[in-house]
Structures are given as C-alpha cells and as structure tokens.
Amino acid sequence: MVLEPGFSVQGGVGLGARRSAVAYDTFTLLGGGTQSQRVHQSSWILTQRLVLNLGLAF
C-alpha cells in the first residue's frame, strides 16, 4: 500500500562473521612407499557491509 507517492532512500551498516573450512589429503613419497595425511583448516572471517536501498512509489 502506498501512502503517498515519492522517492525513498534507506542505508545502513552490517557486521557479521563467516566460517571457512577446508580439508584435503597430502601424499609424501618416502623411500619405497607413500604416506598420506588428511589436513583440516578452518578460520573465522569478520565481514562488514554497507547497505543502500532505493525505492520509488507512484
């Protein structure tokens, strides 16, 4: 429902956190054989966003 026609602008700042996780296998050649090892890595990343919303009602 439009109360009155016009143009609107809204803005803000958002903060958040994101977790990234990676797992992979490594293989090493030793003498006459191979050795495998599973590696796990994870990290937290802080994010920041600028949000801008534009609207037009007629």
C-alpha atoms as a PDB file:
ATOM      1  CA  MET A   1       0.000   0.000   0.000  1.00  0.00           C
ATOM      2  CA  VAL A   2       1.406   3.400  -0.972  1.00  0.00           C
ATOM      3  CA  LEU A   3       0.626   6.193   1.488  1.00  0.00           C
ATOM      4  CA  GLU A   4       1.967   8.940  -0.758  1.00  0.00           C
ATOM      5  CA  PRO A   5       3.999   8.876  -3.969  1.00  0.00           C
ATOM      6  CA  GLY A   6       7.678   9.681  -3.779  1.00  0.00           C
ATOM      7  CA  PHE A   7      11.244   8.520  -3.581  1.00  0.00           C
ATOM      8  CA  SER A   8      12.823   6.820  -0.556  1.00  0.00           C
ATOM      9  CA  VAL A   9      16.405   6.068   0.438  1.00  0.00           C
ATOM     10  CA  GLN A  10      17.479   3.765   3.270  1.00  0.00           C
ATOM     11  CA  GLY A  11      21.031   2.989   4.310  1.00  0.00           C
ATOM     12  CA  GLY A  12      22.872   1.105   6.979  1.00  0.00           C
ATOM     13  CA  VAL A  13      25.955  -0.798   8.052  1.00  0.00           C
ATOM     14  CA  GLY A  14      26.016  -4.508   8.745  1.00  0.00           C
ATOM     15  CA  LEU A  15      28.574  -6.601  10.624  1.00  0.00           C
ATOM     16  CA  GLY A  16      28.840 -10.361  10.538  1.00  0.00           C
ATOM     17  CA  ALA A  17      31.105 -13.393  10.814  1.00  0.00           C
ATOM     18  CA  ARG A  18      31.694 -16.223   8.369  1.00  0.00           C
ATOM     19  CA  ARG A  19      33.449 -19.547   8.975  1.00  0.00           C
ATOM     20  CA  SER A  20      35.531 -21.102   6.230  1.00  0.00           C
ATOM     21  CA  ALA A  21      36.614 -24.745   6.437  1.00  0.00           C
ATOM     22  CA  VAL A  22      38.848 -26.755   4.086  1.00  0.00           C
ATOM     23  CA  ALA A  23      40.015 -30.364   4.203  1.00  0.00           C
ATOM     24  CA  TYR A  24      42.451 -32.025   1.811  1.00  0.00           C
ATOM     25  CA  ASP A  25      44.797 -35.012   1.557  1.00  0.00           C
ATOM     26  CA  THR A  26      48.577 -34.756   1.173  1.00  0.00           C
ATOM     27  CA  PHE A  27      50.808 -37.524  -0.160  1.00  0.00           C
ATOM     28  CA  THR A  28      54.541 -37.763   0.592  1.00  0.00           C
ATOM     29  CA  LEU A  29      56.993 -40.090  -1.154  1.00  0.00           C
ATOM     30  CA  LEU A  30      59.211 -41.878   1.376  1.00  0.00           C
ATOM     31  CA  GLY A  31      61.960 -44.249   0.241  1.00  0.00           C
ATOM     32  CA  GLY A  32      59.957 -47.046  -1.353  1.00  0.00           C
ATOM     33  CA  GLY A  33      56.420 -46.026  -0.332  1.00  0.00           C
ATOM     34  CA  THR A  34      53.999 -43.204   0.157  1.00  0.00           C
ATOM     35  CA  GLN A  35      52.490 -41.624   3.232  1.00  0.00           C
ATOM     36  CA  SER A  36      49.114 -39.872   3.186  1.00  0.00           C
ATOM     37  CA  GLN A  37      47.803 -37.370   5.679  1.00  0.00           C
ATOM     38  CA  ARG A  38      44.474 -35.519   5.928  1.00  0.00           C
ATOM     39  CA  VAL A  39      44.770 -31.802   6.687  1.00  0.00           C
ATOM     40  CA  HIS A  40      41.914 -29.735   8.169  1.00  0.00           C
ATOM     41  CA  GLN A  41      41.948 -25.939   8.213  1.00  0.00           C
ATOM     42  CA  SER A  42      39.257 -23.572   9.433  1.00  0.00           C
ATOM     43  CA  SER A  43      39.117 -19.854  10.042  1.00  0.00           C
ATOM     44  CA  TRP A  44      36.640 -17.176  11.037  1.00  0.00           C
ATOM     45  CA  ILE A  45      36.340 -14.055   8.884  1.00  0.00           C
ATOM     46  CA  LEU A  46      34.702 -10.847  10.102  1.00  0.00           C
ATOM     47  CA  THR A  47      32.701  -9.063   7.396  1.00  0.00           C
ATOM     48  CA  GLN A  48      31.382  -5.541   7.074  1.00  0.00           C
ATOM     49  CA  ARG A  49      28.707  -4.363   4.642  1.00  0.00           C
ATOM     50  CA  LEU A  50      27.248  -1.081   3.541  1.00  0.00           C
ATOM     51  CA  VAL A  51      23.592  -1.403   2.554  1.00  0.00           C
ATOM     52  CA  LEU A  52      21.714   1.108   0.398  1.00  0.00           C
ATOM     53  CA  ASN A  53      18.067   0.671  -0.635  1.00  0.00           C
ATOM     54  CA  LEU A  54      16.353   2.939  -3.134  1.00  0.00           C
ATOM     55  CA  GLY A  55      12.592   2.989  -3.660  1.00  0.00           C
ATOM     56  CA  LEU A  56      10.073   4.759  -5.852  1.00  0.00           C
ATOM     57  CA  ALA A  57       6.348   4.781  -5.151  1.00  0.00           C
ATOM     58  CA  PHE A  58       3.764   6.126  -7.580  1.00  0.00           C
END
